Amino acid sequence: MHILRDRYGLNFPTDGITISTVGPVDQLKKLREEHLKIQLTISLHAATQSARNRIIPHMRIYAIEDVVKQALSYSERHNRKIVFAYLLLPGINDRPSDVRQLAKWFRGKKVMINVLQYNPTSNSRIKAPQKREIVAFKHQLEQAGLEVTMRVSHGRKINAACGQLANTYNKFKKK
């Protein structure tokens, strides 16, 4: 990041740069101390530790509460809105208790939740939510006092949408 913004490097303005991460807590702590003027997006995808462990298994070493705490600390220190990406998975992270937990963490904070549609591939075992389910979940979050957006995904029919490349890669890697 320093090379990108240094005048002897690439001299990019950092106002338009977004760092998107699953939120390693130690790195979030370091980022909090930097003055980069970047947008931060945390791929949270769950409101409970057990659901997050299932969705992002390699992040089980970090407590979800610590990820949220460090992201909010960054927001407060730099007075910037944080985006939390939330991939909606029916039966996994779409319960009323999930909405309540998200509201508990984020109501009144400089936070936007970006609800994402899951894009299955031929080797997926998880079903994609219907559009009405995504809209209903978004509405529940809004009713709980949260700022929410819904990302429209493109390229699904040709397996080029968000998440599908990794799924395809994993399918071939297992052979």
N, C-alpha and C. Protein backbone atom coordinates (compact mmCIF):
# COMPACT_ATOMS: atom_id res chain seq x y z
N MET A 1 0.82 -1.18 0.00
CA MET A 1 0.00 0.00 0.00
C MET A 1 0.88 1.26 0.00
N HIS A 2 1.97 1.20 0.75
CA HIS A 2 2.85 2.37 0.81
C HIS A 2 3.48 2.66 -0.55
N ILE A 3 3.85 1.63 -1.29
CA ILE A 3 4.43 1.83 -2.63
C ILE A 3 3.38 2.40 -3.57
N LEU A 4 2.14 1.93 -3.45
CA LEU A 4 1.07 2.46 -4.31
C LEU A 4 0.89 3.95 -4.12
N ARG A 5 0.98 4.42 -2.88
CA ARG A 5 0.66 5.82 -2.62
C ARG A 5 1.88 6.74 -2.54
N ASP A 6 3.07 6.18 -2.48
CA ASP A 6 4.28 7.01 -2.36
C ASP A 6 4.54 7.76 -3.67
N ARG A 7 4.96 9.02 -3.55
CA ARG A 7 5.21 9.81 -4.76
C ARG A 7 6.38 9.26 -5.56
N TYR A 8 7.26 8.49 -4.93
CA TYR A 8 8.35 7.85 -5.66
C TYR A 8 7.99 6.43 -6.10
N GLY A 9 6.81 6.01 -5.71
CA GLY A 9 6.28 4.71 -6.14
C GLY A 9 5.32 4.96 -7.29
N LEU A 10 4.09 4.52 -7.12
CA LEU A 10 3.08 4.70 -8.17
C LEU A 10 2.25 5.96 -7.98
N ASN A 11 2.36 6.59 -6.82
CA ASN A 11 1.71 7.88 -6.54
C ASN A 11 0.19 7.84 -6.74
N PHE A 12 -0.43 6.74 -6.33
CA PHE A 12 -1.89 6.62 -6.41
C PHE A 12 -2.53 7.36 -5.24
N PRO A 13 -3.63 8.04 -5.49
CA PRO A 13 -4.40 8.55 -4.35
C PRO A 13 -5.12 7.37 -3.70
N THR A 14 -5.07 7.28 -2.39
CA THR A 14 -5.66 6.11 -1.73
C THR A 14 -7.14 6.27 -1.42
N ASP A 15 -7.70 7.44 -1.65
CA ASP A 15 -9.12 7.63 -1.36
C ASP A 15 -10.01 6.65 -2.12
N GLY A 16 -9.61 6.22 -3.29
CA GLY A 16 -10.43 5.33 -4.09
C GLY A 16 -10.09 3.86 -3.95
N ILE A 17 -9.20 3.51 -3.05
CA ILE A 17 -8.78 2.12 -2.91
C ILE A 17 -9.57 1.44 -1.79
N THR A 18 -10.02 0.22 -2.07
CA THR A 18 -10.71 -0.59 -1.07
C THR A 18 -9.86 -1.81 -0.76
N ILE A 19 -9.63 -2.03 0.52
CA ILE A 19 -9.01 -3.28 0.95
C ILE A 19 -10.15 -4.19 1.39
N SER A 20 -10.23 -5.34 0.76
CA SER A 20 -11.26 -6.32 1.09
C SER A 20 -10.57 -7.52 1.72
N THR A 21 -11.02 -7.91 2.91
CA THR A 21 -10.34 -8.95 3.66
C THR A 21 -11.33 -9.76 4.50
N VAL A 22 -10.94 -10.98 4.83
CA VAL A 22 -11.73 -11.78 5.76
C VAL A 22 -11.43 -11.37 7.20
N GLY A 23 -10.42 -10.53 7.40
CA GLY A 23 -10.21 -9.91 8.70
C GLY A 23 -9.28 -10.58 9.66
N PRO A 24 -8.05 -10.94 9.25
CA PRO A 24 -7.10 -11.41 10.26
C PRO A 24 -6.89 -10.31 11.30
N VAL A 25 -7.19 -10.60 12.54
CA VAL A 25 -7.23 -9.59 13.60
C VAL A 25 -5.90 -8.86 13.74
N ASP A 26 -4.78 -9.58 13.67
CA ASP A 26 -3.48 -8.92 13.82
C ASP A 26 -3.24 -7.90 12.71
N GLN A 27 -3.67 -8.22 11.50
CA GLN A 27 -3.50 -7.29 10.38
C GLN A 27 -4.46 -6.10 10.49
N LEU A 28 -5.67 -6.34 11.00
CA LEU A 28 -6.60 -5.24 11.21
C LEU A 28 -6.06 -4.26 12.25
N LYS A 29 -5.39 -4.79 13.27
CA LYS A 29 -4.78 -3.91 14.28
C LYS A 29 -3.70 -3.04 13.64
N LYS A 30 -2.87 -3.64 12.77
CA LYS A 30 -1.84 -2.86 12.08
C LYS A 30 -2.46 -1.81 11.17
N LEU A 31 -3.49 -2.21 10.44
CA LEU A 31 -4.15 -1.29 9.52
C LEU A 31 -4.75 -0.10 10.26
N ARG A 32 -5.26 -0.35 11.45
CA ARG A 32 -5.85 0.71 12.27
C ARG A 32 -4.83 1.82 12.55
N GLU A 33 -3.57 1.45 12.69
CA GLU A 33 -2.53 2.43 13.02
C GLU A 33 -2.01 3.19 11.80
N GLU A 34 -2.34 2.71 10.62
CA GLU A 34 -1.93 3.39 9.38
C GLU A 34 -2.91 4.53 9.09
N HIS A 35 -2.44 5.51 8.36
CA HIS A 35 -3.30 6.63 7.94
C HIS A 35 -3.34 6.63 6.42
N LEU A 36 -4.12 5.70 5.87
CA LEU A 36 -4.11 5.47 4.43
C LEU A 36 -5.31 6.04 3.70
N LYS A 37 -6.36 6.40 4.38
CA LYS A 37 -7.58 6.91 3.75
C LYS A 37 -8.13 5.92 2.72
N ILE A 38 -8.25 4.69 3.13
CA ILE A 38 -8.78 3.66 2.25
C ILE A 38 -10.15 3.22 2.75
N GLN A 39 -10.90 2.60 1.87
CA GLN A 39 -12.17 1.98 2.25
C GLN A 39 -11.86 0.56 2.70
N LEU A 40 -12.51 0.12 3.77
CA LEU A 40 -12.29 -1.23 4.28
C LEU A 40 -13.56 -2.04 4.15
N THR A 41 -13.44 -3.20 3.53
CA THR A 41 -14.55 -4.15 3.43
C THR A 41 -14.13 -5.43 4.13
N ILE A 42 -14.96 -5.87 5.06
CA ILE A 42 -14.71 -7.11 5.78
C ILE A 42 -15.68 -8.17 5.27
N SER A 43 -15.15 -9.28 4.80
CA SER A 43 -16.00 -10.41 4.39
C SER A 43 -16.38 -11.16 5.66
N LEU A 44 -17.51 -10.79 6.23
CA LEU A 44 -17.94 -11.35 7.51
C LEU A 44 -18.74 -12.64 7.28
N HIS A 45 -19.80 -12.55 6.50
CA HIS A 45 -20.61 -13.68 6.04
C HIS A 45 -21.34 -14.46 7.12
N ALA A 46 -21.25 -14.04 8.37
CA ALA A 46 -21.94 -14.77 9.43
C ALA A 46 -22.09 -13.87 10.65
N ALA A 47 -23.00 -14.28 11.53
CA ALA A 47 -23.19 -13.56 12.79
C ALA A 47 -22.83 -14.43 13.99
N THR A 48 -22.43 -15.67 13.72
CA THR A 48 -22.00 -16.58 14.78
C THR A 48 -20.67 -17.21 14.40
N GLN A 49 -19.93 -17.60 15.42
CA GLN A 49 -18.63 -18.24 15.17
C GLN A 49 -18.79 -19.55 14.41
N SER A 50 -19.79 -20.35 14.79
CA SER A 50 -19.95 -21.66 14.13
C SER A 50 -20.29 -21.50 12.65
N ALA A 51 -21.13 -20.55 12.31
CA ALA A 51 -21.47 -20.34 10.89
C ALA A 51 -20.25 -19.82 10.13
N ARG A 52 -19.51 -18.90 10.73
CA ARG A 52 -18.33 -18.36 10.05
C ARG A 52 -17.27 -19.44 9.86
N ASN A 53 -17.11 -20.30 10.85
CA ASN A 53 -16.15 -21.41 10.71
C ASN A 53 -16.52 -22.31 9.54
N ARG A 54 -17.80 -22.49 9.33
CA ARG A 54 -18.26 -23.33 8.22
C ARG A 54 -18.06 -22.64 6.87
N ILE A 55 -18.29 -21.33 6.84
CA ILE A 55 -18.21 -20.58 5.59
C ILE A 55 -16.76 -20.24 5.23
N ILE A 56 -15.97 -19.85 6.23
CA ILE A 56 -14.57 -19.46 6.02
C ILE A 56 -13.71 -20.27 7.00
N PRO A 57 -13.50 -21.56 6.74
CA PRO A 57 -12.84 -22.42 7.71
C PRO A 57 -11.44 -21.97 8.14
N HIS A 58 -10.68 -21.39 7.24
CA HIS A 58 -9.32 -20.99 7.60
C HIS A 58 -9.28 -19.80 8.55
N MET A 59 -10.43 -19.17 8.81
CA MET A 59 -10.48 -18.03 9.74
C MET A 59 -10.94 -18.44 11.14
N ARG A 60 -11.07 -19.72 11.38
CA ARG A 60 -11.55 -20.18 12.69
C ARG A 60 -10.59 -19.81 13.82
N ILE A 61 -9.37 -19.44 13.49
CA ILE A 61 -8.41 -19.05 14.53
C ILE A 61 -8.71 -17.67 15.11
N TYR A 62 -9.59 -16.92 14.46
CA TYR A 62 -9.96 -15.59 14.94
C TYR A 62 -11.41 -15.59 15.39
N ALA A 63 -11.66 -15.11 16.58
CA ALA A 63 -13.03 -14.99 17.07
C ALA A 63 -13.76 -13.93 16.26
N ILE A 64 -14.97 -14.25 15.84
CA ILE A 64 -15.75 -13.31 15.03
C ILE A 64 -15.93 -11.98 15.77
N GLU A 65 -16.10 -12.04 17.08
CA GLU A 65 -16.26 -10.81 17.86
C GLU A 65 -15.01 -9.93 17.78
N ASP A 66 -13.83 -10.55 17.72
CA ASP A 66 -12.59 -9.78 17.61
C ASP A 66 -12.46 -9.14 16.23
N VAL A 67 -12.89 -9.84 15.19
CA VAL A 67 -12.86 -9.28 13.84
C VAL A 67 -13.76 -8.05 13.80
N VAL A 68 -14.97 -8.18 14.31
CA VAL A 68 -15.92 -7.07 14.33
C VAL A 68 -15.36 -5.91 15.15
N LYS A 69 -14.83 -6.21 16.32
CA LYS A 69 -14.29 -5.18 17.21
C LYS A 69 -13.16 -4.40 16.53
N GLN A 70 -12.24 -5.10 15.88
CA GLN A 70 -11.12 -4.42 15.23
C GLN A 70 -11.58 -3.60 14.03
N ALA A 71 -12.54 -4.11 13.27
CA ALA A 71 -13.06 -3.35 12.13
C ALA A 71 -13.74 -2.07 12.61
N LEU A 72 -14.54 -2.18 13.65
CA LEU A 72 -15.22 -0.99 14.19
C LEU A 72 -14.20 -0.01 14.79
N SER A 73 -13.14 -0.53 15.36
CA SER A 73 -12.08 0.33 15.90
C SER A 73 -11.42 1.13 14.77
N TYR A 74 -11.21 0.48 13.63
CA TYR A 74 -10.66 1.18 12.46
C TYR A 74 -11.62 2.30 12.04
N SER A 75 -12.90 1.97 11.97
CA SER A 75 -13.91 2.94 11.57
C SER A 75 -13.90 4.16 12.48
N GLU A 76 -13.87 3.92 13.77
CA GLU A 76 -13.89 5.01 14.74
C GLU A 76 -12.62 5.86 14.67
N ARG A 77 -11.48 5.20 14.58
CA ARG A 77 -10.21 5.95 14.55
C ARG A 77 -10.10 6.83 13.32
N HIS A 78 -10.56 6.32 12.18
CA HIS A 78 -10.39 7.04 10.92
C HIS A 78 -11.66 7.72 10.43
N ASN A 79 -12.73 7.61 11.21
CA ASN A 79 -14.01 8.23 10.86
C ASN A 79 -14.45 7.82 9.45
N ARG A 80 -14.39 6.52 9.19
CA ARG A 80 -14.75 6.00 7.87
C ARG A 80 -15.78 4.89 8.03
N LYS A 81 -16.67 4.83 7.06
CA LYS A 81 -17.67 3.76 7.04
C LYS A 81 -17.00 2.45 6.64
N ILE A 82 -17.37 1.40 7.33
CA ILE A 82 -16.88 0.06 7.01
C ILE A 82 -18.00 -0.70 6.31
N VAL A 83 -17.63 -1.45 5.30
CA VAL A 83 -18.59 -2.32 4.62
C VAL A 83 -18.35 -3.74 5.11
N PHE A 84 -19.42 -4.40 5.51
CA PHE A 84 -19.35 -5.81 5.88
C PHE A 84 -20.07 -6.61 4.81
N ALA A 85 -19.32 -7.43 4.07
CA ALA A 85 -19.92 -8.29 3.05
C ALA A 85 -20.55 -9.49 3.74
N TYR A 86 -21.75 -9.84 3.28
CA TYR A 86 -22.52 -10.91 3.93
C TYR A 86 -23.14 -11.78 2.85
N LEU A 87 -22.49 -12.89 2.56
CA LEU A 87 -22.96 -13.84 1.56
C LEU A 87 -24.12 -14.63 2.16
N LEU A 88 -25.31 -14.44 1.64
CA LEU A 88 -26.49 -15.08 2.22
C LEU A 88 -26.59 -16.54 1.79
N LEU A 89 -26.64 -17.42 2.79
CA LEU A 89 -26.71 -18.87 2.57
C LEU A 89 -27.92 -19.40 3.33
N PRO A 90 -28.96 -19.81 2.61
CA PRO A 90 -30.19 -20.27 3.27
C PRO A 90 -29.93 -21.40 4.27
N GLY A 91 -30.48 -21.22 5.47
CA GLY A 91 -30.34 -22.23 6.50
C GLY A 91 -29.03 -22.17 7.27
N ILE A 92 -28.13 -21.31 6.85
CA ILE A 92 -26.82 -21.21 7.50
C ILE A 92 -26.65 -19.88 8.22
N ASN A 93 -26.97 -18.78 7.54
CA ASN A 93 -26.74 -17.46 8.14
C ASN A 93 -27.89 -16.48 7.91
N ASP A 94 -29.09 -17.00 7.77
CA ASP A 94 -30.24 -16.15 7.44
C ASP A 94 -31.36 -16.18 8.48
N ARG A 95 -31.04 -16.56 9.70
CA ARG A 95 -32.06 -16.69 10.74
C ARG A 95 -32.34 -15.35 11.42
N PRO A 96 -33.49 -15.24 12.08
CA PRO A 96 -33.78 -14.01 12.84
C PRO A 96 -32.70 -13.72 13.89
N SER A 97 -32.12 -14.75 14.48
CA SER A 97 -31.05 -14.52 15.47
C SER A 97 -29.82 -13.89 14.83
N ASP A 98 -29.57 -14.20 13.55
CA ASP A 98 -28.46 -13.57 12.84
C ASP A 98 -28.72 -12.08 12.66
N VAL A 99 -29.95 -11.74 12.30
CA VAL A 99 -30.33 -10.33 12.15
C VAL A 99 -30.15 -9.60 13.48
N ARG A 100 -30.61 -10.21 14.55
CA ARG A 100 -30.48 -9.57 15.87
C ARG A 100 -29.02 -9.34 16.25
N GLN A 101 -28.17 -10.32 15.98
CA GLN A 101 -26.75 -10.17 16.32
C GLN A 101 -26.10 -9.07 15.48
N LEU A 102 -26.39 -9.04 14.20
CA LEU A 102 -25.83 -7.99 13.34
C LEU A 102 -26.29 -6.62 13.81
N ALA A 103 -27.56 -6.51 14.19
CA ALA A 103 -28.08 -5.24 14.70
C ALA A 103 -27.38 -4.85 16.00
N LYS A 104 -27.14 -5.82 16.85
CA LYS A 104 -26.45 -5.56 18.13
C LYS A 104 -25.05 -4.98 17.88
N TRP A 105 -24.36 -5.56 16.92
CA TRP A 105 -23.01 -5.09 16.61
C TRP A 105 -22.99 -3.73 15.91
N PHE A 106 -23.91 -3.53 14.95
CA PHE A 106 -23.73 -2.45 13.98
C PHE A 106 -24.73 -1.30 14.04
N ARG A 107 -25.82 -1.44 14.74
CA ARG A 107 -26.79 -0.35 14.80
C ARG A 107 -26.11 0.89 15.40
N GLY A 108 -26.27 2.02 14.72
CA GLY A 108 -25.69 3.27 15.19
C GLY A 108 -24.22 3.46 14.86
N LYS A 109 -23.63 2.52 14.15
CA LYS A 109 -22.21 2.61 13.78
C LYS A 109 -22.10 3.03 12.31
N LYS A 110 -20.89 3.44 11.92
CA LYS A 110 -20.63 3.80 10.52
C LYS A 110 -20.36 2.52 9.74
N VAL A 111 -21.45 1.82 9.45
CA VAL A 111 -21.36 0.50 8.84
C VAL A 111 -22.42 0.36 7.76
N MET A 112 -22.05 -0.31 6.68
CA MET A 112 -23.03 -0.73 5.69
C MET A 112 -22.85 -2.24 5.49
N ILE A 113 -23.94 -2.95 5.45
CA ILE A 113 -23.90 -4.38 5.18
C ILE A 113 -24.25 -4.59 3.72
N ASN A 114 -23.37 -5.28 3.02
CA ASN A 114 -23.57 -5.58 1.61
C ASN A 114 -23.97 -7.04 1.49
N VAL A 115 -25.26 -7.28 1.27
CA VAL A 115 -25.77 -8.65 1.16
C VAL A 115 -25.48 -9.16 -0.24
N LEU A 116 -24.82 -10.31 -0.29
CA LEU A 116 -24.40 -10.90 -1.56
C LEU A 116 -25.17 -12.18 -1.83
N GLN A 117 -25.42 -12.43 -3.09
CA GLN A 117 -26.08 -13.67 -3.49
C GLN A 117 -25.03 -14.74 -3.72
N TYR A 118 -25.27 -15.92 -3.17
CA TYR A 118 -24.39 -17.06 -3.41
C TYR A 118 -24.57 -17.53 -4.84
N ASN A 119 -23.48 -17.80 -5.52
CA ASN A 119 -23.50 -18.26 -6.90
C ASN A 119 -22.99 -19.70 -6.95
N PRO A 120 -23.88 -20.66 -7.09
CA PRO A 120 -23.45 -22.06 -7.08
C PRO A 120 -22.77 -22.47 -8.39
N THR A 121 -22.04 -23.57 -8.30
CA THR A 121 -21.46 -24.20 -9.49
C THR A 121 -21.92 -25.65 -9.49
N SER A 122 -21.49 -26.38 -10.48
CA SER A 122 -21.94 -27.77 -10.60
C SER A 122 -21.51 -28.64 -9.42
N ASN A 123 -20.44 -28.27 -8.72
CA ASN A 123 -20.00 -29.07 -7.58
C ASN A 123 -20.45 -28.49 -6.24
N SER A 124 -21.35 -27.52 -6.26
CA SER A 124 -21.87 -26.92 -5.03
C SER A 124 -22.86 -27.83 -4.35
N ARG A 125 -22.78 -27.87 -3.02
CA ARG A 125 -23.78 -28.61 -2.25
C ARG A 125 -24.75 -27.66 -1.55
N ILE A 126 -24.47 -26.39 -1.61
CA ILE A 126 -25.32 -25.38 -0.98
C ILE A 126 -26.20 -24.77 -2.05
N LYS A 127 -27.48 -24.60 -1.72
CA LYS A 127 -28.38 -24.00 -2.70
C LYS A 127 -28.32 -22.48 -2.60
N ALA A 128 -28.49 -21.85 -3.73
CA ALA A 128 -28.49 -20.39 -3.77
C ALA A 128 -29.83 -19.87 -3.26
N PRO A 129 -29.83 -18.73 -2.57
CA PRO A 129 -31.10 -18.16 -2.13
C PRO A 129 -31.87 -17.60 -3.32
N GLN A 130 -33.17 -17.62 -3.20
CA GLN A 130 -34.02 -16.97 -4.19
C GLN A 130 -33.91 -15.46 -3.99
N LYS A 131 -34.18 -14.71 -5.03
CA LYS A 131 -34.09 -13.25 -4.91
C LYS A 131 -35.02 -12.75 -3.81
N ARG A 132 -36.20 -13.33 -3.68
CA ARG A 132 -37.15 -12.90 -2.64
C ARG A 132 -36.58 -13.13 -1.24
N GLU A 133 -35.77 -14.18 -1.06
CA GLU A 133 -35.14 -14.44 0.24
C GLU A 133 -34.10 -13.37 0.56
N ILE A 134 -33.36 -12.97 -0.45
CA ILE A 134 -32.35 -11.93 -0.26
C ILE A 134 -33.02 -10.60 0.08
N VAL A 135 -34.07 -10.27 -0.67
CA VAL A 135 -34.80 -9.03 -0.42
C VAL A 135 -35.42 -9.05 0.98
N ALA A 136 -35.97 -10.18 1.39
CA ALA A 136 -36.58 -10.29 2.72
C ALA A 136 -35.53 -10.12 3.81
N PHE A 137 -34.36 -10.72 3.64
CA PHE A 137 -33.28 -10.58 4.63
C PHE A 137 -32.81 -9.13 4.70
N LYS A 138 -32.64 -8.51 3.54
CA LYS A 138 -32.26 -7.10 3.49
C LYS A 138 -33.28 -6.25 4.24
N HIS A 139 -34.54 -6.52 4.01
CA HIS A 139 -35.61 -5.76 4.68
C HIS A 139 -35.55 -5.96 6.20
N GLN A 140 -35.30 -7.17 6.65
CA GLN A 140 -35.19 -7.43 8.09
C GLN A 140 -34.04 -6.63 8.71
N LEU A 141 -32.92 -6.57 8.00
CA LEU A 141 -31.78 -5.79 8.50
C LEU A 141 -32.12 -4.30 8.56
N GLU A 142 -32.79 -3.82 7.52
CA GLU A 142 -33.19 -2.41 7.51
C GLU A 142 -34.17 -2.11 8.64
N GLN A 143 -35.11 -3.03 8.87
CA GLN A 143 -36.06 -2.85 9.97
C GLN A 143 -35.36 -2.84 11.33
N ALA A 144 -34.21 -3.48 11.40
CA ALA A 144 -33.42 -3.51 12.64
C ALA A 144 -32.55 -2.26 12.78
N GLY A 145 -32.66 -1.34 11.81
CA GLY A 145 -31.94 -0.07 11.90
C GLY A 145 -30.57 -0.05 11.25
N LEU A 146 -30.33 -0.98 10.33
CA LEU A 146 -29.02 -1.06 9.68
C LEU A 146 -29.07 -0.51 8.25
N GLU A 147 -27.95 0.02 7.80
CA GLU A 147 -27.81 0.44 6.41
C GLU A 147 -27.39 -0.79 5.60
N VAL A 148 -28.15 -1.07 4.56
CA VAL A 148 -27.94 -2.31 3.81
C VAL A 148 -27.99 -2.03 2.31
N THR A 149 -27.15 -2.72 1.58
CA THR A 149 -27.23 -2.71 0.14
C THR A 149 -27.20 -4.17 -0.32
N MET A 150 -27.59 -4.37 -1.57
CA MET A 150 -27.63 -5.72 -2.13
C MET A 150 -26.83 -5.68 -3.43
N ARG A 151 -25.78 -6.47 -3.50
CA ARG A 151 -24.98 -6.48 -4.72
C ARG A 151 -25.62 -7.38 -5.76
N VAL A 152 -25.75 -6.85 -6.95
CA VAL A 152 -26.25 -7.64 -8.07
C VAL A 152 -25.06 -8.36 -8.68
N SER A 153 -25.20 -9.66 -8.83
CA SER A 153 -24.11 -10.47 -9.36
C SER A 153 -24.34 -10.75 -10.84
N HIS A 154 -23.28 -10.65 -11.61
CA HIS A 154 -23.36 -10.92 -13.05
C HIS A 154 -22.45 -12.08 -13.41
N GLY A 155 -22.74 -12.75 -14.51
CA GLY A 155 -21.89 -13.83 -15.00
C GLY A 155 -22.23 -15.21 -14.47
N ARG A 156 -23.33 -15.32 -13.77
CA ARG A 156 -23.69 -16.58 -13.13
C ARG A 156 -23.90 -17.72 -14.13
N LYS A 157 -24.56 -17.42 -15.24
CA LYS A 157 -24.89 -18.47 -16.21
C LYS A 157 -23.67 -19.09 -16.87
N ILE A 158 -22.56 -18.37 -16.88
CA ILE A 158 -21.34 -18.90 -17.51
C ILE A 158 -20.26 -19.22 -16.46
N ASN A 159 -20.70 -19.39 -15.19
CA ASN A 159 -19.79 -19.71 -14.08
C ASN A 159 -18.67 -18.69 -13.92
N ALA A 160 -19.01 -17.41 -14.10
CA ALA A 160 -18.03 -16.34 -13.97
C ALA A 160 -18.40 -15.33 -12.89
N ALA A 161 -19.39 -15.65 -12.07
CA ALA A 161 -19.82 -14.73 -11.01
C ALA A 161 -18.95 -14.90 -9.77
N CYS A 162 -19.14 -14.00 -8.84
CA CYS A 162 -18.37 -14.01 -7.59
C CYS A 162 -18.44 -15.38 -6.91
N GLY A 163 -17.27 -15.94 -6.60
CA GLY A 163 -17.19 -17.21 -5.90
C GLY A 163 -17.14 -18.43 -6.80
N GLN A 164 -17.52 -18.29 -8.05
CA GLN A 164 -17.60 -19.46 -8.91
C GLN A 164 -16.24 -19.92 -9.41
N LEU A 165 -15.32 -19.03 -9.59
CA LEU A 165 -13.99 -19.42 -10.05
C LEU A 165 -13.29 -20.28 -9.00
N ALA A 166 -13.38 -19.87 -7.75
CA ALA A 166 -12.77 -20.66 -6.67
C ALA A 166 -13.41 -22.03 -6.57
N ASN A 167 -14.72 -22.09 -6.71
CA ASN A 167 -15.42 -23.36 -6.66
C ASN A 167 -14.95 -24.28 -7.79
N THR A 168 -14.78 -23.72 -8.97
CA THR A 168 -14.32 -24.50 -10.11
C THR A 168 -12.88 -24.96 -9.87
N TYR A 169 -12.04 -24.08 -9.35
CA TYR A 169 -10.65 -24.43 -9.05
C TYR A 169 -10.60 -25.57 -8.04
N ASN A 170 -11.39 -25.50 -6.99
CA ASN A 170 -11.40 -26.55 -5.97
C ASN A 170 -11.86 -27.88 -6.54
N LYS A 171 -12.78 -27.85 -7.49
CA LYS A 171 -13.27 -29.08 -8.12
C LYS A 171 -12.11 -29.78 -8.84
N PHE A 172 -11.31 -29.01 -9.57
CA PHE A 172 -10.20 -29.61 -10.32
C PHE A 172 -9.04 -29.99 -9.40
N LYS A 173 -8.85 -29.27 -8.34
CA LYS A 173 -7.76 -29.53 -7.40
C LYS A 173 -7.94 -30.88 -6.70
N LYS A 174 -9.19 -31.30 -6.48
CA LYS A 174 -9.49 -32.55 -5.77
C LYS A 174 -9.15 -33.78 -6.60
N LYS A 175 -9.06 -33.63 -7.91
CA LYS A 175 -8.81 -34.79 -8.78
C LYS A 175 -7.38 -35.26 -8.71
